[in-house]
C-alpha atoms as a PDB file:
ATOM      1  CA  MET A   1     -49.098 -60.295  17.267  1.00  0.00           C
ATOM      2  CA  LEU A   2     -47.086 -59.492  14.152  1.00  0.00           C
ATOM      3  CA  VAL A   3     -47.734 -55.772  14.444  1.00  0.00           C
ATOM      4  CA  ARG A   4     -46.678 -55.755  18.107  1.00  0.00           C
ATOM      5  CA  GLU A   5     -43.418 -57.472  17.170  1.00  0.00           C
ATOM      6  CA  LEU A   6     -42.813 -54.943  14.415  1.00  0.00           C
ATOM      7  CA  GLU A   7     -43.440 -52.049  16.812  1.00  0.00           C
ATOM      8  CA  LEU A   8     -40.792 -53.342  19.185  1.00  0.00           C
ATOM      9  CA  GLU A   9     -38.193 -55.002  16.969  1.00  0.00           C
ATOM     10  CA  ASP A  10     -38.328 -53.783  13.361  1.00  0.00           C
ATOM     11  CA  VAL A  11     -39.237 -50.111  13.154  1.00  0.00           C
ATOM     12  CA  ALA A  12     -38.376 -49.839   9.445  1.00  0.00           C
ATOM     13  CA  GLU A  13     -40.760 -52.663   8.530  1.00  0.00           C
ATOM     14  CA  TYR A  14     -43.477 -51.076  10.695  1.00  0.00           C
ATOM     15  CA  GLN A  15     -43.087 -47.832   8.772  1.00  0.00           C
ATOM     16  CA  ALA A  16     -43.184 -49.698   5.457  1.00  0.00           C
ATOM     17  CA  LEU A  17     -46.364 -51.511   6.474  1.00  0.00           C
ATOM     18  CA  PHE A  18     -48.329 -48.451   7.617  1.00  0.00           C
ATOM     19  CA  ARG A  19     -46.399 -45.652   5.841  1.00  0.00           C
ATOM     20  CA  MET A  20     -45.944 -43.807   9.158  1.00  0.00           C
ATOM     21  CA  ASP A  21     -44.013 -44.175  12.386  1.00  0.00           C
ATOM     22  CA  LYS A  22     -45.564 -45.334  15.656  1.00  0.00           C
ATOM     23  CA  SER A  23     -45.955 -41.860  17.152  1.00  0.00           C
ATOM     24  CA  THR A  24     -47.845 -40.654  14.065  1.00  0.00           C
ATOM     25  CA  PHE A  25     -49.993 -43.791  14.124  1.00  0.00           C
ATOM     26  CA  ASP A  26     -50.880 -43.157  17.775  1.00  0.00           C
ATOM     27  CA  TYR A  27     -51.751 -39.538  16.968  1.00  0.00           C
ATOM     28  CA  VAL A  28     -54.045 -40.574  14.108  1.00  0.00           C
ATOM     29  CA  LEU A  29     -55.574 -43.285  16.298  1.00  0.00           C
ATOM     30  CA  ASP A  30     -56.426 -40.687  18.950  1.00  0.00           C
ATOM     31  CA  LEU A  31     -58.101 -38.538  16.308  1.00  0.00           C
ATOM     32  CA  VAL A  32     -60.248 -41.246  14.715  1.00  0.00           C
ATOM     33  CA  THR A  33     -61.085 -43.459  17.718  1.00  0.00           C
ATOM     34  CA  PRO A  34     -64.399 -41.709  18.539  1.00  0.00           C
ATOM     35  CA  TYR A  35     -65.553 -42.277  14.946  1.00  0.00           C
ATOM     36  CA  ILE A  36     -64.530 -45.912  14.496  1.00  0.00           C
ATOM     37  CA  GLU A  37     -65.108 -47.288  18.000  1.00  0.00           C
ATOM     38  CA  LYS A  38     -67.805 -49.954  18.349  1.00  0.00           C
ATOM     39  CA  GLN A  39     -69.382 -51.624  21.379  1.00  0.00           C
ATOM     40  CA  ASP A  40     -69.222 -55.264  22.446  1.00  0.00           C
ATOM     41  CA  THR A  41     -72.433 -57.263  22.257  1.00  0.00           C
ATOM     42  CA  VAL A  42     -73.642 -60.386  24.028  1.00  0.00           C
ATOM     43  CA  MET A  43     -72.756 -62.434  20.936  1.00  0.00           C
ATOM     44  CA  ARG A  44     -69.238 -61.170  20.230  1.00  0.00           C
ATOM     45  CA  GLU A  45     -66.464 -58.769  21.109  1.00  0.00           C
ATOM     46  CA  CYS A  46     -65.917 -55.874  18.752  1.00  0.00           C
ATOM     47  CA  VAL A  47     -62.777 -55.191  16.766  1.00  0.00           C
ATOM     48  CA  SER A  48     -60.667 -52.596  18.563  1.00  0.00           C
ATOM     49  CA  PRO A  49     -60.125 -49.161  17.015  1.00  0.00           C
ATOM     50  CA  ARG A  50     -56.379 -49.940  16.823  1.00  0.00           C
ATOM     51  CA  GLU A  51     -57.024 -53.100  14.780  1.00  0.00           C
ATOM     52  CA  ARG A  52     -59.528 -51.310  12.547  1.00  0.00           C
ATOM     53  CA  LEU A  53     -57.054 -48.537  11.782  1.00  0.00           C
ATOM     54  CA  GLN A  54     -54.216 -51.008  11.201  1.00  0.00           C
ATOM     55  CA  ALA A  55     -56.305 -53.005   8.726  1.00  0.00           C
ATOM     56  CA  THR A  56     -57.419 -49.855   6.913  1.00  0.00           C
ATOM     57  CA  LEU A  57     -53.933 -48.380   6.642  1.00  0.00           C
ATOM     58  CA  ARG A  58     -52.449 -51.665   5.485  1.00  0.00           C
ATOM     59  CA  PHE A  59     -55.106 -51.963   2.784  1.00  0.00           C
ATOM     60  CA  LEU A  60     -54.589 -48.385   1.642  1.00  0.00           C
ATOM     61  CA  ALA A  61     -50.791 -48.734   1.645  1.00  0.00           C
ATOM     62  CA  THR A  62     -50.487 -52.140  -0.002  1.00  0.00           C
ATOM     63  CA  GLY A  63     -53.830 -52.963  -1.588  1.00  0.00           C
ATOM     64  CA  MET A  64     -53.970 -56.260   0.348  1.00  0.00           C
END
């Protein structure tokens, strides 16, 4: 939810969080999706490639 709000309302904070703008993020997401995509199972739904990339970039950018 927070990331969606940042995409729409606060572009500068979005860039600070991921160290890239939305168009660059979407480009990188298209490149890495086949490598980080997982499948849902009967027990649980998988984490989406978008969420995986967001978590990874945030960790690499901030260390948190």
